[in-house]
Every structure is written in C-alpha cells, then in structure tokens.
Amino acid sequence: MTHRRAADIRRRRRPTPTDDEILAGRTVDALADPSRVVLEHDLLAALQTTLTSLPWRQRAVWVLREIEELSYDELAEALSMSPDAVRGQLYRARRHVADRMEAWR
C-alpha cells in the first residue's frame, strides 16, 4: 500500500521543464557554403518543431540522451524514473523523431 501511495505522489509531481531552446545554440560555421548553412538552419528548425511536439518526458529523455549524452542510469536519476521507463520513453521519442524527420534523411 505504501508503494502505491508513493507511486501516486510521484505521478502527480509537476514535470521538470526542459530547455526548449537547446538547439538554438547550435550554429553552423560562418565560412561554410551558404546553401549548407540554410539547409542546416532548416534542419535544426524542423528538429526543434518535432521536439516541441513531444510530451515533456519524452523530450527530456531525448534531449538529455542525444544532446547531453547522459547514460540511462543518469537519466533515471535526473528524471526520477526507472532505467526501464527511460528506455521506453527514449524508444518512443526516437520513433516519433524518426517519423517526423523522415524528409530529412
């Protein structure tokens, strides 16, 4: 009974916001080919839009794993989730990003 109560309290916690502008700091080399600069800018804009459409947990897991390169255990601790839950959220986030970014392959 205590375990269920603790799980209920954990579910009701407000989500920790993620930095939605994490990709804004990624810049393209100014000396690069102008067409490449435009393409990479459009790619980052499309990725930002895709990440914004993810539920906060999936977005947080994806950003912390793919951008910040945290391990599954670090993700689990940071987000107060089990490593298995992290894997599930990351799987769903990667699948969503892959589907939405298909045109950029």
PDB file of N, CA and C in Angstrom:
ATOM      1  N   MET A   1       0.812  -1.178   0.000  1.00  0.00           N
ATOM      2  CA  MET A   1       0.000   0.000   0.000  1.00  0.00           C
ATOM      3  C   MET A   1       0.872   1.265   0.000  1.00  0.00           C
ATOM      4  N   THR A   2       1.940   1.241   0.746  1.00  0.00           N
ATOM      5  CA  THR A   2       2.850   2.384   0.795  1.00  0.00           C
ATOM      6  C   THR A   2       3.487   2.614  -0.564  1.00  0.00           C
ATOM      7  N   HIS A   3       3.861   1.528  -1.209  1.00  0.00           N
ATOM      8  CA  HIS A   3       4.471   1.640  -2.539  1.00  0.00           C
ATOM      9  C   HIS A   3       3.520   2.308  -3.518  1.00  0.00           C
ATOM     10  N   ARG A   4       2.262   1.910  -3.513  1.00  0.00           N
ATOM     11  CA  ARG A   4       1.271   2.517  -4.409  1.00  0.00           C
ATOM     12  C   ARG A   4       1.069   3.988  -4.096  1.00  0.00           C
ATOM     13  N   ARG A   5       1.052   4.335  -2.825  1.00  0.00           N
ATOM     14  CA  ARG A   5       0.890   5.739  -2.429  1.00  0.00           C
ATOM     15  C   ARG A   5       2.086   6.565  -2.921  1.00  0.00           C
ATOM     16  N   ALA A   6       3.286   6.034  -2.759  1.00  0.00           N
ATOM     17  CA  ALA A   6       4.490   6.728  -3.222  1.00  0.00           C
ATOM     18  C   ALA A   6       4.456   6.894  -4.740  1.00  0.00           C
ATOM     19  N   ALA A   7       3.997   5.873  -5.448  1.00  0.00           N
ATOM     20  CA  ALA A   7       3.888   5.959  -6.907  1.00  0.00           C
ATOM     21  C   ALA A   7       2.865   7.013  -7.311  1.00  0.00           C
ATOM     22  N   ASP A   8       1.759   7.109  -6.589  1.00  0.00           N
ATOM     23  CA  ASP A   8       0.740   8.132  -6.870  1.00  0.00           C
ATOM     24  C   ASP A   8       1.303   9.535  -6.674  1.00  0.00           C
ATOM     25  N   ILE A   9       2.025   9.736  -5.598  1.00  0.00           N
ATOM     26  CA  ILE A   9       2.626  11.048  -5.327  1.00  0.00           C
ATOM     27  C   ILE A   9       3.627  11.405  -6.408  1.00  0.00           C
ATOM     28  N   ARG A  10       4.415  10.451  -6.804  1.00  0.00           N
ATOM     29  CA  ARG A  10       5.424  10.669  -7.847  1.00  0.00           C
ATOM     30  C   ARG A  10       4.767  11.061  -9.177  1.00  0.00           C
ATOM     31  N   ARG A  11       3.668  10.430  -9.524  1.00  0.00           N
ATOM     32  CA  ARG A  11       2.972  10.733 -10.774  1.00  0.00           C
ATOM     33  C   ARG A  11       2.394  12.140 -10.767  1.00  0.00           C
ATOM     34  N   ARG A  12       1.994  12.615  -9.609  1.00  0.00           N
ATOM     35  CA  ARG A  12       1.362  13.932  -9.522  1.00  0.00           C
ATOM     36  C   ARG A  12       2.358  15.082  -9.525  1.00  0.00           C
ATOM     37  N   ARG A  13       3.636  14.793  -9.362  1.00  0.00           N
ATOM     38  CA  ARG A  13       4.631  15.857  -9.356  1.00  0.00           C
ATOM     39  C   ARG A  13       4.582  16.619 -10.669  1.00  0.00           C
ATOM     40  N   ARG A  14       4.818  17.898 -10.567  1.00  0.00           N
ATOM     41  CA  ARG A  14       4.853  18.715 -11.771  1.00  0.00           C
ATOM     42  C   ARG A  14       6.106  18.362 -12.553  1.00  0.00           C
ATOM     43  N   PRO A  15       6.001  18.326 -13.872  1.00  0.00           N
ATOM     44  CA  PRO A  15       7.162  17.984 -14.683  1.00  0.00           C
ATOM     45  C   PRO A  15       8.257  19.044 -14.603  1.00  0.00           C
ATOM     46  N   THR A  16       9.487  18.569 -14.708  1.00  0.00           N
ATOM     47  CA  THR A  16      10.631  19.474 -14.763  1.00  0.00           C
ATOM     48  C   THR A  16      10.747  19.985 -16.185  1.00  0.00           C
ATOM     49  N   PRO A  17      10.679  21.290 -16.379  1.00  0.00           N
ATOM     50  CA  PRO A  17      10.744  21.803 -17.749  1.00  0.00           C
ATOM     51  C   PRO A  17      12.114  21.557 -18.362  1.00  0.00           C
ATOM     52  N   THR A  18      12.118  21.325 -19.655  1.00  0.00           N
ATOM     53  CA  THR A  18      13.377  21.181 -20.367  1.00  0.00           C
ATOM     54  C   THR A  18      13.620  22.457 -21.151  1.00  0.00           C
ATOM     55  N   ASP A  19      14.849  22.682 -21.482  1.00  0.00           N
ATOM     56  CA  ASP A  19      15.217  23.878 -22.230  1.00  0.00           C
ATOM     57  C   ASP A  19      14.790  23.687 -23.674  1.00  0.00           C
ATOM     58  N   ASP A  20      13.700  24.350 -24.063  1.00  0.00           N
ATOM     59  CA  ASP A  20      13.189  24.202 -25.423  1.00  0.00           C
ATOM     60  C   ASP A  20      14.090  24.851 -26.460  1.00  0.00           C
ATOM     61  N   GLU A  21      15.006  25.672 -26.022  1.00  0.00           N
ATOM     62  CA  GLU A  21      15.910  26.348 -26.953  1.00  0.00           C
ATOM     63  C   GLU A  21      17.290  25.690 -26.966  1.00  0.00           C
ATOM     64  N   ILE A  22      17.362  24.413 -26.611  1.00  0.00           N
ATOM     65  CA  ILE A  22      18.637  23.707 -26.537  1.00  0.00           C
ATOM     66  C   ILE A  22      19.370  23.706 -27.878  1.00  0.00           C
ATOM     67  N   LEU A  23      18.620  23.674 -28.961  1.00  0.00           N
ATOM     68  CA  LEU A  23      19.245  23.630 -30.283  1.00  0.00           C
ATOM     69  C   LEU A  23      19.574  25.015 -30.819  1.00  0.00           C
ATOM     70  N   ALA A  24      19.076  26.052 -30.164  1.00  0.00           N
ATOM     71  CA  ALA A  24      19.314  27.413 -30.650  1.00  0.00           C
ATOM     72  C   ALA A  24      20.798  27.770 -30.594  1.00  0.00           C
ATOM     73  N   GLY A  25      21.511  27.194 -29.653  1.00  0.00           N
ATOM     74  CA  GLY A  25      22.939  27.481 -29.524  1.00  0.00           C
ATOM     75  C   GLY A  25      23.795  26.782 -30.554  1.00  0.00           C
ATOM     76  N   ARG A  26      23.226  25.852 -31.267  1.00  0.00           N
ATOM     77  CA  ARG A  26      23.968  25.131 -32.301  1.00  0.00           C
ATOM     78  C   ARG A  26      24.061  26.019 -33.533  1.00  0.00           C
ATOM     79  N   THR A  27      25.258  26.391 -33.881  1.00  0.00           N
ATOM     80  CA  THR A  27      25.432  27.261 -35.047  1.00  0.00           C
ATOM     81  C   THR A  27      26.236  26.538 -36.110  1.00  0.00           C
ATOM     82  N   VAL A  28      26.101  27.011 -37.306  1.00  0.00           N
ATOM     83  CA  VAL A  28      26.820  26.458 -38.440  1.00  0.00           C
ATOM     84  C   VAL A  28      28.020  27.352 -38.703  1.00  0.00           C
ATOM     85  N   ASP A  29      29.113  26.766 -39.141  1.00  0.00           N
ATOM     86  CA  ASP A  29      30.328  27.511 -39.449  1.00  0.00           C
ATOM     87  C   ASP A  29      30.014  28.644 -40.428  1.00  0.00           C
ATOM     88  N   ALA A  30      30.403  29.858 -40.060  1.00  0.00           N
ATOM     89  CA  ALA A  30      30.092  31.032 -40.893  1.00  0.00           C
ATOM     90  C   ALA A  30      30.809  30.982 -42.238  1.00  0.00           C
ATOM     91  N   LEU A  31      31.896  30.258 -42.327  1.00  0.00           N
ATOM     92  CA  LEU A  31      32.649  30.177 -43.577  1.00  0.00           C
ATOM     93  C   LEU A  31      32.157  29.056 -44.479  1.00  0.00           C
ATOM     94  N   ALA A  32      31.140  28.346 -44.033  1.00  0.00           N
ATOM     95  CA  ALA A  32      30.616  27.221 -44.807  1.00  0.00           C
ATOM     96  C   ALA A  32      29.859  27.716 -46.036  1.00  0.00           C
ATOM     97  N   ASP A  33      29.564  26.773 -46.904  1.00  0.00           N
ATOM     98  CA  ASP A  33      28.780  27.047 -48.105  1.00  0.00           C
ATOM     99  C   ASP A  33      27.411  27.611 -47.708  1.00  0.00           C
ATOM    100  N   PRO A  34      26.981  28.729 -48.309  1.00  0.00           N
ATOM    101  CA  PRO A  34      25.701  29.335 -47.921  1.00  0.00           C
ATOM    102  C   PRO A  34      24.503  28.383 -48.034  1.00  0.00           C
ATOM    103  N   SER A  35      24.491  27.546 -49.052  1.00  0.00           N
ATOM    104  CA  SER A  35      23.367  26.617 -49.183  1.00  0.00           C
ATOM    105  C   SER A  35      23.382  25.600 -48.041  1.00  0.00           C
ATOM    106  N   ARG A  36      24.564  25.212 -47.595  1.00  0.00           N
ATOM    107  CA  ARG A  36      24.678  24.284 -46.474  1.00  0.00           C
ATOM    108  C   ARG A  36      24.181  24.952 -45.190  1.00  0.00           C
ATOM    109  N   VAL A  37      24.513  26.215 -45.019  1.00  0.00           N
ATOM    110  CA  VAL A  37      24.067  26.959 -43.845  1.00  0.00           C
ATOM    111  C   VAL A  37      22.539  26.995 -43.782  1.00  0.00           C
ATOM    112  N   VAL A  38      21.916  27.273 -44.916  1.00  0.00           N
ATOM    113  CA  VAL A  38      20.446  27.338 -44.975  1.00  0.00           C
ATOM    114  C   VAL A  38      19.840  25.971 -44.678  1.00  0.00           C
ATOM    115  N   LEU A  39      20.401  24.917 -45.279  1.00  0.00           N
ATOM    116  CA  LEU A  39      19.888  23.566 -45.048  1.00  0.00           C
ATOM    117  C   LEU A  39      20.002  23.168 -43.577  1.00  0.00           C
ATOM    118  N   GLU A  40      21.137  23.460 -42.980  1.00  0.00           N
ATOM    119  CA  GLU A  40      21.313  23.087 -41.577  1.00  0.00           C
ATOM    120  C   GLU A  40      20.414  23.919 -40.668  1.00  0.00           C
ATOM    121  N   HIS A  41      20.202  25.167 -41.015  1.00  0.00           N
ATOM    122  CA  HIS A  41      19.279  26.005 -40.250  1.00  0.00           C
ATOM    123  C   HIS A  41      17.864  25.425 -40.336  1.00  0.00           C
ATOM    124  N   ASP A  42      17.450  25.051 -41.541  1.00  0.00           N
ATOM    125  CA  ASP A  42      16.113  24.455 -41.724  1.00  0.00           C
ATOM    126  C   ASP A  42      15.995  23.121 -40.993  1.00  0.00           C
ATOM    127  N   LEU A  43      17.058  22.336 -41.023  1.00  0.00           N
ATOM    128  CA  LEU A  43      17.062  21.058 -40.314  1.00  0.00           C
ATOM    129  C   LEU A  43      16.895  21.281 -38.816  1.00  0.00           C
ATOM    130  N   LEU A  44      17.639  22.210 -38.251  1.00  0.00           N
ATOM    131  CA  LEU A  44      17.525  22.482 -36.820  1.00  0.00           C
ATOM    132  C   LEU A  44      16.141  23.027 -36.468  1.00  0.00           C
ATOM    133  N   ALA A  45      15.568  23.837 -37.337  1.00  0.00           N
ATOM    134  CA  ALA A  45      14.219  24.358 -37.096  1.00  0.00           C
ATOM    135  C   ALA A  45      13.193  23.225 -37.116  1.00  0.00           C
ATOM    136  N   ALA A  46      13.338  22.307 -38.067  1.00  0.00           N
ATOM    137  CA  ALA A  46      12.421  21.162 -38.146  1.00  0.00           C
ATOM    138  C   ALA A  46      12.575  20.261 -36.920  1.00  0.00           C
ATOM    139  N   LEU A  47      13.819  20.046 -36.491  1.00  0.00           N
ATOM    140  CA  LEU A  47      14.059  19.227 -35.304  1.00  0.00           C
ATOM    141  C   LEU A  47      13.483  19.899 -34.063  1.00  0.00           C
ATOM    142  N   GLN A  48      13.644  21.207 -33.954  1.00  0.00           N
ATOM    143  CA  GLN A  48      13.088  21.943 -32.814  1.00  0.00           C
ATOM    144  C   GLN A  48      11.566  21.804 -32.782  1.00  0.00           C
ATOM    145  N   THR A  49      10.933  21.927 -33.938  1.00  0.00           N
ATOM    146  CA  THR A  49       9.474  21.784 -34.017  1.00  0.00           C
ATOM    147  C   THR A  49       9.050  20.369 -33.613  1.00  0.00           C
ATOM    148  N   THR A  50       9.792  19.387 -34.082  1.00  0.00           N
ATOM    149  CA  THR A  50       9.496  17.995 -33.748  1.00  0.00           C
ATOM    150  C   THR A  50       9.648  17.756 -32.253  1.00  0.00           C
ATOM    151  N   LEU A  51      10.717  18.259 -31.663  1.00  0.00           N
ATOM    152  CA  LEU A  51      10.934  18.067 -30.232  1.00  0.00           C
ATOM    153  C   LEU A  51       9.860  18.767 -29.408  1.00  0.00           C
ATOM    154  N   THR A  52       9.409  19.913 -29.867  1.00  0.00           N
ATOM    155  CA  THR A  52       8.367  20.641 -29.163  1.00  0.00           C
ATOM    156  C   THR A  52       7.053  19.854 -29.146  1.00  0.00           C
ATOM    157  N   SER A  53       6.833  19.040 -30.174  1.00  0.00           N
ATOM    158  CA  SER A  53       5.591  18.267 -30.244  1.00  0.00           C
ATOM    159  C   SER A  53       5.606  17.021 -29.354  1.00  0.00           C
ATOM    160  N   LEU A  54       6.769  16.669 -28.815  1.00  0.00           N
ATOM    161  CA  LEU A  54       6.865  15.502 -27.931  1.00  0.00           C
ATOM    162  C   LEU A  54       6.307  15.820 -26.548  1.00  0.00           C
ATOM    163  N   PRO A  55       5.751  14.814 -25.865  1.00  0.00           N
ATOM    164  CA  PRO A  55       5.406  15.007 -24.454  1.00  0.00           C
ATOM    165  C   PRO A  55       6.680  15.360 -23.673  1.00  0.00           C
ATOM    166  N   TRP A  56       6.549  16.111 -22.587  1.00  0.00           N
ATOM    167  CA  TRP A  56       7.724  16.633 -21.884  1.00  0.00           C
ATOM    168  C   TRP A  56       8.689  15.546 -21.456  1.00  0.00           C
ATOM    169  N   ARG A  57       8.190  14.410 -20.988  1.00  0.00           N
ATOM    170  CA  ARG A  57       9.079  13.334 -20.534  1.00  0.00           C
ATOM    171  C   ARG A  57       9.911  12.774 -21.677  1.00  0.00           C
ATOM    172  N   GLN A  58       9.268  12.537 -22.816  1.00  0.00           N
ATOM    173  CA  GLN A  58       9.993  12.020 -23.968  1.00  0.00           C
ATOM    174  C   GLN A  58      11.006  13.046 -24.466  1.00  0.00           C
ATOM    175  N   ARG A  59      10.606  14.319 -24.483  1.00  0.00           N
ATOM    176  CA  ARG A  59      11.515  15.374 -24.927  1.00  0.00           C
ATOM    177  C   ARG A  59      12.717  15.464 -23.993  1.00  0.00           C
ATOM    178  N   ALA A  60      12.471  15.418 -22.686  1.00  0.00           N
ATOM    179  CA  ALA A  60      13.554  15.500 -21.712  1.00  0.00           C
ATOM    180  C   ALA A  60      14.519  14.331 -21.877  1.00  0.00           C
ATOM    181  N   VAL A  61      13.980  13.126 -21.999  1.00  0.00           N
ATOM    182  CA  VAL A  61      14.829  11.943 -22.166  1.00  0.00           C
ATOM    183  C   VAL A  61      15.628  12.045 -23.463  1.00  0.00           C
ATOM    184  N   TRP A  62      14.974  12.445 -24.561  1.00  0.00           N
ATOM    185  CA  TRP A  62      15.663  12.526 -25.854  1.00  0.00           C
ATOM    186  C   TRP A  62      16.789  13.557 -25.801  1.00  0.00           C
ATOM    187  N   VAL A  63      16.480  14.738 -25.274  1.00  0.00           N
ATOM    188  CA  VAL A  63      17.487  15.811 -25.225  1.00  0.00           C
ATOM    189  C   VAL A  63      18.654  15.415 -24.321  1.00  0.00           C
ATOM    190  N   LEU A  64      18.355  14.881 -23.150  1.00  0.00           N
ATOM    191  CA  LEU A  64      19.425  14.518 -22.226  1.00  0.00           C
ATOM    192  C   LEU A  64      20.275  13.361 -22.739  1.00  0.00           C
ATOM    193  N   ARG A  65      19.682  12.461 -23.494  1.00  0.00           N
ATOM    194  CA  ARG A  65      20.444  11.330 -24.032  1.00  0.00           C
ATOM    195  C   ARG A  65      21.197  11.709 -25.310  1.00  0.00           C
ATOM    196  N   GLU A  66      20.495  12.315 -26.265  1.00  0.00           N
ATOM    197  CA  GLU A  66      21.086  12.578 -27.576  1.00  0.00           C
ATOM    198  C   GLU A  66      21.960  13.832 -27.615  1.00  0.00           C
ATOM    199  N   ILE A  67      21.587  14.856 -26.879  1.00  0.00           N
ATOM    200  CA  ILE A  67      22.347  16.105 -26.893  1.00  0.00           C
ATOM    201  C   ILE A  67      23.364  16.140 -25.756  1.00  0.00           C
ATOM    202  N   GLU A  68      22.902  15.855 -24.542  1.00  0.00           N
ATOM    203  CA  GLU A  68      23.767  15.919 -23.372  1.00  0.00           C
ATOM    204  C   GLU A  68      24.554  14.630 -23.136  1.00  0.00           C
ATOM    205  N   GLU A  69      24.171  13.544 -23.805  1.00  0.00           N
ATOM    206  CA  GLU A  69      24.858  12.247 -23.753  1.00  0.00           C
ATOM    207  C   GLU A  69      24.927  11.645 -22.354  1.00  0.00           C
ATOM    208  N   LEU A  70      23.830  11.770 -21.587  1.00  0.00           N
ATOM    209  CA  LEU A  70      23.764  11.147 -20.280  1.00  0.00           C
ATOM    210  C   LEU A  70      23.504   9.657 -20.444  1.00  0.00           C
ATOM    211  N   SER A  71      23.943   8.877 -19.481  1.00  0.00           N
ATOM    212  CA  SER A  71      23.700   7.429 -19.504  1.00  0.00           C
ATOM    213  C   SER A  71      22.267   7.164 -19.048  1.00  0.00           C
ATOM    214  N   TYR A  72      21.812   5.929 -19.243  1.00  0.00           N
ATOM    215  CA  TYR A  72      20.460   5.565 -18.824  1.00  0.00           C
ATOM    216  C   TYR A  72      20.300   5.736 -17.308  1.00  0.00           C
ATOM    217  N   ASP A  73      21.316   5.349 -16.548  1.00  0.00           N
ATOM    218  CA  ASP A  73      21.236   5.487 -15.098  1.00  0.00           C
ATOM    219  C   ASP A  73      21.196   6.955 -14.684  1.00  0.00           C
ATOM    220  N   GLU A  74      21.985   7.794 -15.345  1.00  0.00           N
ATOM    221  CA  GLU A  74      21.969   9.226 -15.045  1.00  0.00           C
ATOM    222  C   GLU A  74      20.606   9.833 -15.394  1.00  0.00           C
ATOM    223  N   LEU A  75      20.053   9.406 -16.520  1.00  0.00           N
ATOM    224  CA  LEU A  75      18.718   9.876 -16.910  1.00  0.00           C
ATOM    225  C   LEU A  75      17.677   9.462 -15.879  1.00  0.00           C
ATOM    226  N   ALA A  76      17.740   8.217 -15.456  1.00  0.00           N
ATOM    227  CA  ALA A  76      16.773   7.707 -14.483  1.00  0.00           C
ATOM    228  C   ALA A  76      16.837   8.511 -13.188  1.00  0.00           C
ATOM    229  N   GLU A  77      18.034   8.807 -12.744  1.00  0.00           N
ATOM    230  CA  GLU A  77      18.188   9.578 -11.508  1.00  0.00           C
ATOM    231  C   GLU A  77      17.718  11.022 -11.696  1.00  0.00           C
ATOM    232  N   ALA A  78      18.104  11.636 -12.799  1.00  0.00           N
ATOM    233  CA  ALA A  78      17.750  13.038 -13.037  1.00  0.00           C
ATOM    234  C   ALA A  78      16.246  13.241 -13.173  1.00  0.00           C
ATOM    235  N   LEU A  79      15.562  12.270 -13.770  1.00  0.00           N
ATOM    236  CA  LEU A  79      14.132  12.409 -14.036  1.00  0.00           C
ATOM    237  C   LEU A  79      13.260  11.613 -13.063  1.00  0.00           C
ATOM    238  N   SER A  80      13.882  11.023 -12.048  1.00  0.00           N
ATOM    239  CA  SER A  80      13.154  10.217 -11.049  1.00  0.00           C
ATOM    240  C   SER A  80      12.326   9.134 -11.718  1.00  0.00           C
ATOM    241  N   MET A  81      12.971   8.396 -12.601  1.00  0.00           N
ATOM    242  CA  MET A  81      12.324   7.299 -13.319  1.00  0.00           C
ATOM    243  C   MET A  81      13.197   6.061 -13.179  1.00  0.00           C
ATOM    244  N   SER A  82      12.633   4.919 -13.476  1.00  0.00           N
ATOM    245  CA  SER A  82      13.443   3.711 -13.508  1.00  0.00           C
ATOM    246  C   SER A  82      14.189   3.663 -14.843  1.00  0.00           C
ATOM    247  N   PRO A  83      15.311   2.958 -14.902  1.00  0.00           N
ATOM    248  CA  PRO A  83      16.026   2.826 -16.181  1.00  0.00           C
ATOM    249  C   PRO A  83      15.157   2.199 -17.282  1.00  0.00           C
ATOM    250  N   ASP A  84      14.268   1.285 -16.895  1.00  0.00           N
ATOM    251  CA  ASP A  84      13.369   0.687 -17.885  1.00  0.00           C
ATOM    252  C   ASP A  84      12.395   1.716 -18.437  1.00  0.00           C
ATOM    253  N   ALA A  85      11.887   2.591 -17.578  1.00  0.00           N
ATOM    254  CA  ALA A  85      10.996   3.657 -18.039  1.00  0.00           C
ATOM    255  C   ALA A  85      11.746   4.615 -18.959  1.00  0.00           C
ATOM    256  N   VAL A  86      13.001   4.886 -18.643  1.00  0.00           N
ATOM    257  CA  VAL A  86      13.834   5.749 -19.503  1.00  0.00           C
ATOM    258  C   VAL A  86      13.967   5.118 -20.888  1.00  0.00           C
ATOM    259  N   ARG A  87      14.256   3.826 -20.925  1.00  0.00           N
ATOM    260  CA  ARG A  87      14.394   3.135 -22.212  1.00  0.00           C
ATOM    261  C   ARG A  87      13.102   3.218 -23.027  1.00  0.00           C
ATOM    262  N   GLY A  88      11.976   3.016 -22.373  1.00  0.00           N
ATOM    263  CA  GLY A  88      10.686   3.082 -23.063  1.00  0.00           C
ATOM    264  C   GLY A  88      10.393   4.473 -23.596  1.00  0.00           C
ATOM    265  N   GLN A  89      10.629   5.489 -22.776  1.00  0.00           N
ATOM    266  CA  GLN A  89      10.396   6.861 -23.210  1.00  0.00           C
ATOM    267  C   GLN A  89      11.336   7.234 -24.357  1.00  0.00           C
ATOM    268  N   LEU A  90      12.584   6.802 -24.258  1.00  0.00           N
ATOM    269  CA  LEU A  90      13.551   7.109 -25.311  1.00  0.00           C
ATOM    270  C   LEU A  90      13.185   6.402 -26.613  1.00  0.00           C
ATOM    271  N   TYR A  91      12.731   5.171 -26.511  1.00  0.00           N
ATOM    272  CA  TYR A  91      12.303   4.443 -27.708  1.00  0.00           C
ATOM    273  C   TYR A  91      11.164   5.183 -28.414  1.00  0.00           C
ATOM    274  N   ARG A  92      10.151   5.582 -27.626  1.00  0.00           N
ATOM    275  CA  ARG A  92       9.015   6.290 -28.224  1.00  0.00           C
ATOM    276  C   ARG A  92       9.439   7.640 -28.794  1.00  0.00           C
ATOM    277  N   ALA A  93      10.315   8.337 -28.088  1.00  0.00           N
ATOM    278  CA  ALA A  93      10.789   9.636 -28.581  1.00  0.00           C
ATOM    279  C   ALA A  93      11.587   9.473 -29.875  1.00  0.00           C
ATOM    280  N   ARG A  94      12.471   8.501 -29.914  1.00  0.00           N
ATOM    281  CA  ARG A  94      13.273   8.280 -31.132  1.00  0.00           C
ATOM    282  C   ARG A  94      12.389   7.899 -32.312  1.00  0.00           C
ATOM    283  N   ARG A  95      11.401   7.068 -32.063  1.00  0.00           N
ATOM    284  CA  ARG A  95      10.486   6.664 -33.131  1.00  0.00           C
ATOM    285  C   ARG A  95       9.706   7.864 -33.657  1.00  0.00           C
ATOM    286  N   HIS A  96       9.222   8.717 -32.753  1.00  0.00           N
ATOM    287  CA  HIS A  96       8.479   9.911 -33.146  1.00  0.00           C
ATOM    288  C   HIS A  96       9.379  10.857 -33.957  1.00  0.00           C
ATOM    289  N   VAL A  97      10.591  11.077 -33.475  1.00  0.00           N
ATOM    290  CA  VAL A  97      11.521  11.974 -34.177  1.00  0.00           C
ATOM    291  C   VAL A  97      11.863  11.396 -35.546  1.00  0.00           C
ATOM    292  N   ALA A  98      12.111  10.101 -35.621  1.00  0.00           N
ATOM    293  CA  ALA A  98      12.431   9.480 -36.910  1.00  0.00           C
ATOM    294  C   ALA A  98      11.273   9.606 -37.890  1.00  0.00           C
ATOM    295  N   ASP A  99      10.056   9.399 -37.422  1.00  0.00           N
ATOM    296  CA  ASP A  99       8.885   9.524 -38.296  1.00  0.00           C
ATOM    297  C   ASP A  99       8.715  10.948 -38.797  1.00  0.00           C
ATOM    298  N   ARG A 100       8.833  11.910 -37.888  1.00  0.00           N
ATOM    299  CA  ARG A 100       8.620  13.315 -38.269  1.00  0.00           C
ATOM    300  C   ARG A 100       9.764  13.887 -39.104  1.00  0.00           C
ATOM    301  N   MET A 101      10.957  13.331 -38.956  1.00  0.00           N
ATOM    302  CA  MET A 101      12.130  13.853 -39.659  1.00  0.00           C
ATOM    303  C   MET A 101      12.469  13.014 -40.901  1.00  0.00           C
ATOM    304  N   GLU A 102      11.563  12.164 -41.328  1.00  0.00           N
ATOM    305  CA  GLU A 102      11.787  11.279 -42.475  1.00  0.00           C
ATOM    306  C   GLU A 102      12.238  12.057 -43.714  1.00  0.00           C
ATOM    307  N   ALA A 103      11.689  13.212 -43.957  1.00  0.00           N
ATOM    308  CA  ALA A 103      12.039  14.008 -45.135  1.00  0.00           C
ATOM    309  C   ALA A 103      13.491  14.460 -45.116  1.00  0.00           C
ATOM    310  N   TRP A 104      14.119  14.464 -43.959  1.00  0.00           N
ATOM    311  CA  TRP A 104      15.496  14.947 -43.847  1.00  0.00           C
ATOM    312  C   TRP A 104      16.537  13.826 -43.968  1.00  0.00           C
ATOM    313  N   ARG A 105      16.103  12.626 -44.205  1.00  0.00           N
ATOM    314  CA  ARG A 105      17.073  11.523 -44.343  1.00  0.00           C
ATOM    315  C   ARG A 105      17.785  11.578 -45.648  1.00  0.00           C
TER     316      ARG A 105
END
